[in-house]
Protein backbone atom coordinates (compact mmCIF):
# COMPACT_ATOMS: atom_id res chain seq x y z
CA MET A 1 146.48 130.87 137.73
CA ALA A 2 148.64 133.27 139.74
CA VAL A 3 152.41 133.30 139.65
CA THR A 4 154.42 134.78 142.49
CA ILE A 5 158.05 135.76 142.05
CA ASN A 6 160.07 136.08 145.25
CA ASN A 7 163.35 137.89 145.68
CA PRO A 8 166.33 135.51 145.69
CA VAL A 9 167.57 134.42 149.09
CA LEU A 10 171.33 134.74 149.53
CA MET A 11 172.91 131.68 151.14
CA GLY A 12 176.22 130.85 152.75
CA THR A 13 177.88 127.81 154.30
CA LEU A 14 178.63 127.46 158.00
CA ARG A 15 181.24 124.86 158.94
CA VAL A 16 181.60 124.15 162.66
CA THR A 17 184.46 122.05 164.05
CA VAL A 18 184.03 120.75 167.59
CA LYS A 19 187.12 119.64 169.54
CA ASP A 20 187.75 118.82 173.18
CA GLU A 21 190.34 120.52 175.39
CA ASN A 22 193.02 118.18 173.96
CA GLY A 23 192.19 119.02 170.34
CA LYS A 24 190.43 115.69 169.71
CA ALA A 25 187.31 115.73 167.51
CA VAL A 26 183.99 115.46 169.36
CA VAL A 27 181.86 113.02 167.35
CA GLY A 28 178.06 113.33 167.43
CA ALA A 29 177.93 116.76 169.08
CA GLY A 30 174.68 118.61 168.42
CA VAL A 31 175.15 121.87 166.53
CA TYR A 32 172.13 124.15 166.88
CA LEU A 33 171.43 127.06 164.55
CA ASP A 34 168.92 129.72 165.67
CA LEU A 35 167.38 127.41 168.30
CA GLY A 36 163.85 128.48 169.18
CA SER A 37 163.26 130.40 165.94
CA GLU A 38 161.23 129.37 162.90
CA GLN A 39 164.49 128.76 161.02
CA GLN A 40 166.09 126.52 163.64
CA SER A 41 168.28 123.65 162.49
CA ILE A 42 170.06 120.89 164.37
CA VAL A 43 172.84 118.79 162.84
CA TYR A 44 175.46 116.52 164.37
CA THR A 45 179.22 116.42 163.96
CA ASN A 46 180.76 113.68 161.86
CA SER A 47 183.74 111.45 162.67
CA SER A 48 186.05 114.45 162.19
CA GLY A 49 184.02 116.62 164.60
CA VAL A 50 182.67 118.72 161.72
CA ALA A 51 179.10 119.85 161.04
CA THR A 52 178.15 121.82 157.91
CA LEU A 53 174.98 123.84 157.34
CA THR A 54 173.73 125.94 154.44
CA VAL A 55 172.11 129.05 155.91
CA THR A 56 170.69 132.40 154.86
CA GLU A 57 172.97 135.40 154.82
CA GLY A 58 173.00 137.44 158.04
CA GLU A 59 173.55 137.03 161.78
CA HIS A 60 172.80 133.68 163.43
CA ILE A 61 173.23 132.14 166.88
CA VAL A 62 175.10 128.82 166.94
CA GLY A 63 175.18 126.50 169.92
CA VAL A 64 177.00 123.22 170.52
CA TYR A 65 176.20 120.51 173.05
CA SER A 66 177.58 117.05 173.74
CA ASP A 67 177.28 114.78 176.77
CA GLY A 68 180.18 115.29 179.16
CA TYR A 69 180.94 118.84 177.97
CA LEU A 70 179.65 122.28 178.85
CA PRO A 71 177.44 123.79 176.14
CA ALA A 72 178.83 126.67 174.06
CA LYS A 73 177.02 129.42 172.14
CA SER A 74 178.23 132.12 169.75
CA SER A 75 176.92 134.63 167.24
CA VAL A 76 178.12 134.34 163.64
CA ASP A 77 177.71 136.52 160.53
CA ILE A 78 177.12 134.57 157.33
CA ILE A 79 178.16 136.17 154.04
CA ALA A 80 176.67 134.72 150.85
CA GLY A 81 178.96 132.96 148.45
């Protein structure tokens, strides 16, 4: 029997709030993390327009899309803790 010990992976939390031009929450907007990579994740905003993801520490690309709105994309740096 072989046992492999991996280095710990540092994690952080990314909280994305999606609002329209009037400041109203956008419900059900798709929030994409690292789309096209092996680590990609897609979650949807809740009734408050908020989506939360637990992600590895480091730089990530976040995109948001919802019907009737132009898509948005940004780079974020996640710090563990």
